[in-house]
Amino acid sequence: MQMARASRSIEIDVPPEAFFRLLQDYARYPEFVPELKAVQVGPRSGDSVEVTYWLDVKLRVFDFTLRHVAHNVERIDWELVRGGEFMRKNHGAWTLERTKAGGTRATYSIEIDLGPLVPATFEKALAERGLPNMLANFKAAAEKMLRP
């Protein structure tokens, strides 16, 4: 079984430190990611935190838990902790670079395996088509909330 992989970058008109803070504010994700119905943030342990997401994929709502690990303000990695019947693997990263204009070039990379109940074509669509929408949502939220 081949995992679906995707990676995409977007330029955001806020500095990396500000965007990094938004990325770490997991509880706010449902405010600007329409597919997320709820988020529960677990206790932090150093630079690591477990976050449970309730994702609406039209047919039903699935929940899964990821462990996010922050590395300075340049990167946040995640790994699947619990995916139930819906998700077998999910790991990836946000990588942030400062642009010449002082904004952020954010790259989102993911590898995902949604298990035998989910068709590979749906997996690929989620990784490739869902990604531009999600990045646009993060960009809009960051620029709305964080621009002076």
N, C-alpha and C. Protein backbone atom coordinates (compact mmCIF):
# COMPACT_ATOMS: atom_id res chain seq x y z
N MET A 1 0.85 -1.20 0.00
CA MET A 1 0.00 0.00 0.00
C MET A 1 0.88 1.24 0.00
N GLN A 2 0.71 2.08 -0.99
CA GLN A 2 1.46 3.33 -1.10
C GLN A 2 0.76 4.42 -0.29
N MET A 3 1.53 5.13 0.52
CA MET A 3 0.96 6.25 1.26
C MET A 3 0.83 7.45 0.32
N ALA A 4 -0.18 8.26 0.57
CA ALA A 4 -0.32 9.51 -0.17
C ALA A 4 0.66 10.52 0.42
N ARG A 5 1.39 11.19 -0.46
CA ARG A 5 2.34 12.22 -0.03
C ARG A 5 2.01 13.51 -0.73
N ALA A 6 2.19 14.61 -0.01
CA ALA A 6 1.99 15.91 -0.63
C ALA A 6 2.85 16.93 0.10
N SER A 7 3.27 17.95 -0.64
CA SER A 7 4.03 19.04 -0.06
C SER A 7 3.71 20.29 -0.86
N ARG A 8 3.47 21.38 -0.15
CA ARG A 8 3.15 22.63 -0.83
C ARG A 8 3.61 23.79 0.04
N SER A 9 3.99 24.89 -0.62
CA SER A 9 4.44 26.09 0.09
C SER A 9 3.52 27.25 -0.22
N ILE A 10 3.50 28.21 0.70
CA ILE A 10 2.70 29.42 0.53
C ILE A 10 3.43 30.56 1.21
N GLU A 11 3.32 31.75 0.65
CA GLU A 11 3.94 32.94 1.27
C GLU A 11 2.88 33.67 2.07
N ILE A 12 3.25 34.04 3.28
CA ILE A 12 2.33 34.67 4.22
C ILE A 12 2.94 35.99 4.66
N ASP A 13 2.11 37.02 4.72
CA ASP A 13 2.59 38.37 5.00
C ASP A 13 2.69 38.67 6.49
N VAL A 14 3.25 37.73 7.25
CA VAL A 14 3.54 37.93 8.67
C VAL A 14 4.89 37.27 8.94
N PRO A 15 5.63 37.73 9.97
CA PRO A 15 6.93 37.12 10.25
C PRO A 15 6.79 35.67 10.75
N PRO A 16 7.85 34.86 10.54
CA PRO A 16 7.80 33.46 10.96
C PRO A 16 7.44 33.27 12.44
N GLU A 17 7.95 34.14 13.31
CA GLU A 17 7.67 33.98 14.75
C GLU A 17 6.16 34.07 15.02
N ALA A 18 5.50 34.99 14.33
CA ALA A 18 4.05 35.17 14.51
C ALA A 18 3.29 33.98 13.94
N PHE A 19 3.69 33.51 12.76
CA PHE A 19 3.00 32.38 12.15
C PHE A 19 3.21 31.12 12.99
N PHE A 20 4.41 30.97 13.54
CA PHE A 20 4.73 29.83 14.41
C PHE A 20 3.80 29.81 15.61
N ARG A 21 3.53 30.99 16.20
CA ARG A 21 2.60 31.07 17.35
C ARG A 21 1.20 30.62 16.94
N LEU A 22 0.76 31.05 15.74
CA LEU A 22 -0.55 30.62 15.26
C LEU A 22 -0.59 29.10 15.07
N LEU A 23 0.47 28.55 14.48
CA LEU A 23 0.52 27.09 14.27
C LEU A 23 0.42 26.33 15.59
N GLN A 24 0.98 26.90 16.66
CA GLN A 24 0.97 26.22 17.95
C GLN A 24 -0.33 26.46 18.73
N ASP A 25 -1.21 27.31 18.23
CA ASP A 25 -2.48 27.60 18.90
C ASP A 25 -3.55 26.64 18.36
N TYR A 26 -3.34 25.34 18.61
CA TYR A 26 -4.16 24.28 18.02
C TYR A 26 -5.65 24.46 18.33
N ALA A 27 -5.97 24.95 19.50
CA ALA A 27 -7.37 25.11 19.92
C ALA A 27 -8.13 26.06 18.99
N ARG A 28 -7.43 26.96 18.32
CA ARG A 28 -8.09 27.93 17.43
C ARG A 28 -8.32 27.39 16.02
N TYR A 29 -7.73 26.26 15.66
CA TYR A 29 -7.84 25.75 14.29
C TYR A 29 -9.28 25.67 13.78
N PRO A 30 -10.26 25.21 14.59
CA PRO A 30 -11.63 25.14 14.06
C PRO A 30 -12.20 26.51 13.67
N GLU A 31 -11.62 27.60 14.16
CA GLU A 31 -12.09 28.94 13.79
C GLU A 31 -11.83 29.24 12.31
N PHE A 32 -10.80 28.62 11.74
CA PHE A 32 -10.46 28.95 10.35
C PHE A 32 -10.21 27.73 9.45
N VAL A 33 -10.39 26.53 9.97
CA VAL A 33 -10.33 25.31 9.15
C VAL A 33 -11.71 24.67 9.23
N PRO A 34 -12.57 24.92 8.23
CA PRO A 34 -13.98 24.52 8.32
C PRO A 34 -14.20 23.02 8.55
N GLU A 35 -13.30 22.17 8.06
CA GLU A 35 -13.47 20.72 8.21
C GLU A 35 -13.23 20.25 9.64
N LEU A 36 -12.56 21.07 10.45
CA LEU A 36 -12.30 20.69 11.84
C LEU A 36 -13.47 21.11 12.71
N LYS A 37 -14.13 20.14 13.30
CA LYS A 37 -15.30 20.43 14.13
C LYS A 37 -14.89 20.73 15.56
N ALA A 38 -13.79 20.13 16.02
CA ALA A 38 -13.32 20.36 17.40
C ALA A 38 -11.87 19.93 17.51
N VAL A 39 -11.21 20.48 18.54
CA VAL A 39 -9.82 20.14 18.83
C VAL A 39 -9.69 20.05 20.35
N GLN A 40 -8.96 19.04 20.81
CA GLN A 40 -8.66 18.95 22.25
C GLN A 40 -7.15 18.89 22.41
N VAL A 41 -6.60 19.88 23.11
CA VAL A 41 -5.16 19.96 23.30
C VAL A 41 -4.81 19.30 24.63
N GLY A 42 -3.92 18.32 24.57
CA GLY A 42 -3.48 17.62 25.78
C GLY A 42 -2.38 18.40 26.47
N PRO A 43 -1.85 17.85 27.56
CA PRO A 43 -0.78 18.55 28.28
C PRO A 43 0.51 18.62 27.46
N ARG A 44 1.23 19.73 27.61
CA ARG A 44 2.51 19.89 26.93
C ARG A 44 3.60 19.21 27.75
N SER A 45 4.57 18.65 27.05
CA SER A 45 5.73 18.06 27.69
C SER A 45 6.94 18.58 26.93
N GLY A 46 7.58 19.61 27.45
CA GLY A 46 8.69 20.25 26.74
C GLY A 46 8.16 20.89 25.47
N ASP A 47 8.75 20.50 24.32
CA ASP A 47 8.33 21.04 23.03
C ASP A 47 7.27 20.18 22.36
N SER A 48 6.74 19.19 23.08
CA SER A 48 5.82 18.22 22.50
C SER A 48 4.42 18.36 23.12
N VAL A 49 3.40 18.15 22.29
CA VAL A 49 2.01 18.18 22.77
C VAL A 49 1.17 17.24 21.91
N GLU A 50 0.24 16.51 22.56
CA GLU A 50 -0.69 15.67 21.82
C GLU A 50 -1.98 16.44 21.61
N VAL A 51 -2.49 16.40 20.37
CA VAL A 51 -3.70 17.13 20.02
C VAL A 51 -4.65 16.16 19.31
N THR A 52 -5.90 16.11 19.79
CA THR A 52 -6.93 15.29 19.15
C THR A 52 -7.80 16.20 18.29
N TYR A 53 -8.01 15.76 17.06
CA TYR A 53 -8.79 16.52 16.08
C TYR A 53 -10.05 15.73 15.72
N TRP A 54 -11.17 16.44 15.53
CA TRP A 54 -12.40 15.85 15.00
C TRP A 54 -12.60 16.45 13.61
N LEU A 55 -12.41 15.62 12.59
CA LEU A 55 -12.40 16.05 11.20
C LEU A 55 -13.66 15.57 10.49
N ASP A 56 -14.38 16.49 9.87
CA ASP A 56 -15.60 16.16 9.12
C ASP A 56 -15.22 15.93 7.67
N VAL A 57 -15.36 14.69 7.22
CA VAL A 57 -15.02 14.36 5.83
C VAL A 57 -16.30 14.07 5.02
N LYS A 58 -17.31 14.85 5.26
CA LYS A 58 -18.61 14.80 4.57
C LYS A 58 -19.42 13.56 4.97
N LEU A 59 -18.83 12.39 4.89
CA LEU A 59 -19.57 11.17 5.20
C LEU A 59 -19.80 11.01 6.70
N ARG A 60 -18.80 11.36 7.47
CA ARG A 60 -18.87 11.29 8.93
C ARG A 60 -17.71 12.03 9.56
N VAL A 61 -17.75 12.16 10.87
CA VAL A 61 -16.68 12.85 11.60
C VAL A 61 -15.75 11.80 12.19
N PHE A 62 -14.47 11.94 11.91
CA PHE A 62 -13.44 11.04 12.44
C PHE A 62 -12.59 11.80 13.44
N ASP A 63 -12.10 11.08 14.46
CA ASP A 63 -11.16 11.73 15.37
C ASP A 63 -9.84 10.98 15.33
N PHE A 64 -8.78 11.74 15.51
CA PHE A 64 -7.43 11.17 15.52
C PHE A 64 -6.56 12.08 16.37
N THR A 65 -5.47 11.51 16.87
CA THR A 65 -4.56 12.27 17.74
C THR A 65 -3.17 12.30 17.13
N LEU A 66 -2.60 13.50 17.09
CA LEU A 66 -1.23 13.69 16.59
C LEU A 66 -0.36 14.23 17.72
N ARG A 67 0.91 13.83 17.73
CA ARG A 67 1.90 14.43 18.64
C ARG A 67 2.69 15.44 17.83
N HIS A 68 2.61 16.71 18.21
CA HIS A 68 3.33 17.79 17.54
C HIS A 68 4.59 18.10 18.34
N VAL A 69 5.70 18.28 17.64
CA VAL A 69 6.96 18.65 18.28
C VAL A 69 7.50 19.90 17.61
N ALA A 70 7.68 20.95 18.41
CA ALA A 70 8.18 22.23 17.89
C ALA A 70 9.70 22.26 17.94
N HIS A 71 10.30 22.83 16.90
CA HIS A 71 11.76 22.99 16.82
C HIS A 71 12.03 24.47 16.55
N ASN A 72 12.38 25.22 17.59
CA ASN A 72 12.58 26.67 17.47
C ASN A 72 11.38 27.29 16.77
N VAL A 73 11.60 28.25 15.89
CA VAL A 73 10.47 28.80 15.12
C VAL A 73 10.58 28.41 13.65
N GLU A 74 11.37 27.37 13.38
CA GLU A 74 11.56 26.97 11.98
C GLU A 74 10.72 25.78 11.58
N ARG A 75 10.26 24.98 12.55
CA ARG A 75 9.64 23.71 12.16
C ARG A 75 8.76 23.15 13.27
N ILE A 76 7.65 22.55 12.85
CA ILE A 76 6.82 21.74 13.75
C ILE A 76 6.58 20.42 13.03
N ASP A 77 6.99 19.32 13.66
CA ASP A 77 6.76 17.98 13.12
C ASP A 77 5.56 17.37 13.82
N TRP A 78 4.92 16.41 13.17
CA TRP A 78 3.89 15.65 13.86
C TRP A 78 3.93 14.20 13.44
N GLU A 79 3.38 13.37 14.32
CA GLU A 79 3.32 11.92 14.12
C GLU A 79 1.99 11.43 14.68
N LEU A 80 1.39 10.47 14.02
CA LEU A 80 0.13 9.91 14.47
C LEU A 80 0.32 9.14 15.78
N VAL A 81 -0.52 9.42 16.76
CA VAL A 81 -0.55 8.68 18.01
C VAL A 81 -1.69 7.67 17.98
N ARG A 82 -2.88 8.14 17.53
CA ARG A 82 -4.06 7.29 17.49
C ARG A 82 -4.93 7.71 16.32
N GLY A 83 -5.26 6.75 15.45
CA GLY A 83 -6.06 7.07 14.28
C GLY A 83 -7.32 6.25 14.13
N GLY A 84 -7.49 5.25 14.97
CA GLY A 84 -8.69 4.40 14.89
C GLY A 84 -8.75 3.69 13.54
N GLU A 85 -9.98 3.43 13.07
CA GLU A 85 -10.17 2.71 11.81
C GLU A 85 -9.92 3.61 10.60
N PHE A 86 -9.87 4.92 10.84
CA PHE A 86 -9.81 5.90 9.77
C PHE A 86 -8.40 6.11 9.25
N MET A 87 -7.41 6.15 10.15
CA MET A 87 -6.08 6.60 9.76
C MET A 87 -5.02 5.67 10.33
N ARG A 88 -4.16 5.14 9.46
CA ARG A 88 -3.09 4.26 9.92
C ARG A 88 -1.77 5.01 10.09
N LYS A 89 -1.53 6.00 9.24
CA LYS A 89 -0.30 6.78 9.35
C LYS A 89 -0.61 8.22 9.02
N ASN A 90 0.08 9.12 9.70
CA ASN A 90 0.00 10.55 9.39
C ASN A 90 1.23 11.18 10.01
N HIS A 91 2.17 11.54 9.19
CA HIS A 91 3.30 12.31 9.72
C HIS A 91 3.69 13.36 8.70
N GLY A 92 4.25 14.43 9.25
CA GLY A 92 4.62 15.53 8.37
C GLY A 92 5.20 16.67 9.17
N ALA A 93 5.24 17.84 8.53
CA ALA A 93 5.87 18.99 9.16
C ALA A 93 5.43 20.28 8.49
N TRP A 94 5.44 21.34 9.29
CA TRP A 94 5.42 22.72 8.80
C TRP A 94 6.87 23.19 8.89
N THR A 95 7.41 23.74 7.81
CA THR A 95 8.75 24.32 7.81
C THR A 95 8.61 25.79 7.43
N LEU A 96 9.21 26.66 8.25
CA LEU A 96 9.05 28.10 8.05
C LEU A 96 10.39 28.75 7.70
N GLU A 97 10.37 29.62 6.70
CA GLU A 97 11.55 30.41 6.32
C GLU A 97 11.13 31.86 6.21
N ARG A 98 12.03 32.77 6.62
CA ARG A 98 11.75 34.19 6.47
C ARG A 98 11.99 34.60 5.02
N THR A 99 11.07 35.38 4.46
CA THR A 99 11.24 35.89 3.10
C THR A 99 12.05 37.19 3.17
N LYS A 100 12.54 37.63 2.00
CA LYS A 100 13.29 38.89 1.95
C LYS A 100 12.45 40.06 2.45
N ALA A 101 11.13 40.00 2.24
CA ALA A 101 10.22 41.07 2.64
C ALA A 101 9.85 40.99 4.13
N GLY A 102 10.39 39.96 4.84
CA GLY A 102 10.10 39.83 6.27
C GLY A 102 8.87 39.00 6.58
N GLY A 103 8.28 38.39 5.55
CA GLY A 103 7.14 37.50 5.75
C GLY A 103 7.63 36.07 5.96
N THR A 104 6.74 35.14 5.71
CA THR A 104 7.05 33.73 5.94
C THR A 104 6.76 32.92 4.69
N ARG A 105 7.69 32.05 4.33
CA ARG A 105 7.42 31.01 3.35
C ARG A 105 7.18 29.75 4.16
N ALA A 106 5.93 29.29 4.18
CA ALA A 106 5.55 28.12 4.98
C ALA A 106 5.37 26.93 4.05
N THR A 107 6.05 25.84 4.36
CA THR A 107 5.92 24.61 3.58
C THR A 107 5.28 23.55 4.45
N TYR A 108 4.19 22.98 3.96
CA TYR A 108 3.45 21.93 4.66
C TYR A 108 3.70 20.64 3.91
N SER A 109 4.22 19.63 4.59
CA SER A 109 4.48 18.32 3.98
C SER A 109 3.78 17.26 4.80
N ILE A 110 3.16 16.31 4.12
CA ILE A 110 2.42 15.26 4.82
C ILE A 110 2.56 13.94 4.09
N GLU A 111 2.61 12.86 4.86
CA GLU A 111 2.47 11.49 4.36
C GLU A 111 1.32 10.90 5.15
N ILE A 112 0.34 10.34 4.44
CA ILE A 112 -0.86 9.87 5.11
C ILE A 112 -1.32 8.54 4.53
N ASP A 113 -1.77 7.64 5.39
CA ASP A 113 -2.36 6.36 4.99
C ASP A 113 -3.67 6.25 5.74
N LEU A 114 -4.76 6.35 5.00
CA LEU A 114 -6.08 6.37 5.64
C LEU A 114 -6.71 4.99 5.78
N GLY A 115 -5.92 3.95 5.57
CA GLY A 115 -6.45 2.62 5.86
C GLY A 115 -7.32 2.04 4.76
N PRO A 116 -7.72 0.77 4.94
CA PRO A 116 -8.40 0.03 3.89
C PRO A 116 -9.83 0.52 3.60
N LEU A 117 -10.45 1.24 4.53
CA LEU A 117 -11.83 1.69 4.33
C LEU A 117 -11.90 2.91 3.43
N VAL A 118 -10.74 3.55 3.17
CA VAL A 118 -10.73 4.78 2.39
C VAL A 118 -10.06 4.51 1.05
N PRO A 119 -10.74 4.78 -0.07
CA PRO A 119 -10.13 4.57 -1.39
C PRO A 119 -8.87 5.42 -1.58
N ALA A 120 -7.90 4.87 -2.26
CA ALA A 120 -6.63 5.58 -2.49
C ALA A 120 -6.87 6.89 -3.23
N THR A 121 -7.86 6.93 -4.12
CA THR A 121 -8.13 8.17 -4.86
C THR A 121 -8.60 9.27 -3.91
N PHE A 122 -9.37 8.90 -2.88
CA PHE A 122 -9.83 9.87 -1.90
C PHE A 122 -8.64 10.37 -1.07
N GLU A 123 -7.76 9.43 -0.70
CA GLU A 123 -6.55 9.76 0.06
C GLU A 123 -5.71 10.79 -0.70
N LYS A 124 -5.52 10.52 -1.99
CA LYS A 124 -4.72 11.41 -2.83
C LYS A 124 -5.39 12.78 -2.97
N ALA A 125 -6.71 12.79 -3.14
CA ALA A 125 -7.45 14.05 -3.26
C ALA A 125 -7.34 14.85 -1.97
N LEU A 126 -7.44 14.18 -0.84
CA LEU A 126 -7.35 14.85 0.45
C LEU A 126 -5.97 15.50 0.59
N ALA A 127 -4.94 14.77 0.23
CA ALA A 127 -3.58 15.27 0.35
C ALA A 127 -3.30 16.40 -0.66
N GLU A 128 -3.78 16.25 -1.90
CA GLU A 128 -3.42 17.21 -2.95
C GLU A 128 -4.41 18.37 -3.10
N ARG A 129 -5.72 18.08 -3.08
CA ARG A 129 -6.70 19.15 -3.27
C ARG A 129 -7.04 19.85 -1.97
N GLY A 130 -7.08 19.09 -0.88
CA GLY A 130 -7.41 19.69 0.42
C GLY A 130 -6.30 20.62 0.88
N LEU A 131 -5.07 20.33 0.47
CA LEU A 131 -3.90 21.08 0.92
C LEU A 131 -3.94 22.57 0.52
N PRO A 132 -4.20 22.91 -0.75
CA PRO A 132 -4.25 24.34 -1.10
C PRO A 132 -5.32 25.11 -0.30
N ASN A 133 -6.48 24.49 -0.10
CA ASN A 133 -7.54 25.14 0.68
C ASN A 133 -7.09 25.37 2.12
N MET A 134 -6.49 24.35 2.71
CA MET A 134 -6.05 24.46 4.10
C MET A 134 -4.97 25.55 4.23
N LEU A 135 -4.01 25.57 3.31
CA LEU A 135 -2.96 26.59 3.35
C LEU A 135 -3.55 27.99 3.21
N ALA A 136 -4.52 28.13 2.31
CA ALA A 136 -5.18 29.43 2.12
C ALA A 136 -5.89 29.85 3.41
N ASN A 137 -6.49 28.90 4.12
CA ASN A 137 -7.16 29.20 5.39
C ASN A 137 -6.16 29.67 6.45
N PHE A 138 -5.01 29.00 6.55
CA PHE A 138 -3.97 29.40 7.51
C PHE A 138 -3.42 30.78 7.15
N LYS A 139 -3.18 31.03 5.86
CA LYS A 139 -2.66 32.32 5.41
C LYS A 139 -3.64 33.44 5.77
N ALA A 140 -4.92 33.24 5.44
CA ALA A 140 -5.93 34.27 5.73
C ALA A 140 -6.04 34.54 7.23
N ALA A 141 -6.03 33.47 8.02
CA ALA A 141 -6.14 33.63 9.48
C ALA A 141 -4.93 34.38 10.02
N ALA A 142 -3.74 34.01 9.56
CA ALA A 142 -2.51 34.65 10.05
C ALA A 142 -2.51 36.13 9.69
N GLU A 143 -2.85 36.43 8.45
CA GLU A 143 -2.78 37.81 7.99
C GLU A 143 -3.87 38.66 8.65
N LYS A 144 -5.02 38.07 8.93
CA LYS A 144 -6.11 38.80 9.58
C LYS A 144 -5.79 39.04 11.06
N MET A 145 -5.28 38.01 11.74
CA MET A 145 -5.07 38.10 13.19
C MET A 145 -3.76 38.76 13.57
N LEU A 146 -2.75 38.67 12.71
CA LEU A 146 -1.41 39.01 13.15
C LEU A 146 -0.80 40.24 12.48
N ARG A 147 -1.42 40.73 11.42
CA ARG A 147 -0.84 41.90 10.76
C ARG A 147 -1.07 43.14 11.63
N PRO A 148 -0.05 44.01 11.73
CA PRO A 148 -0.21 45.22 12.54
C PRO A 148 -1.25 46.16 11.95
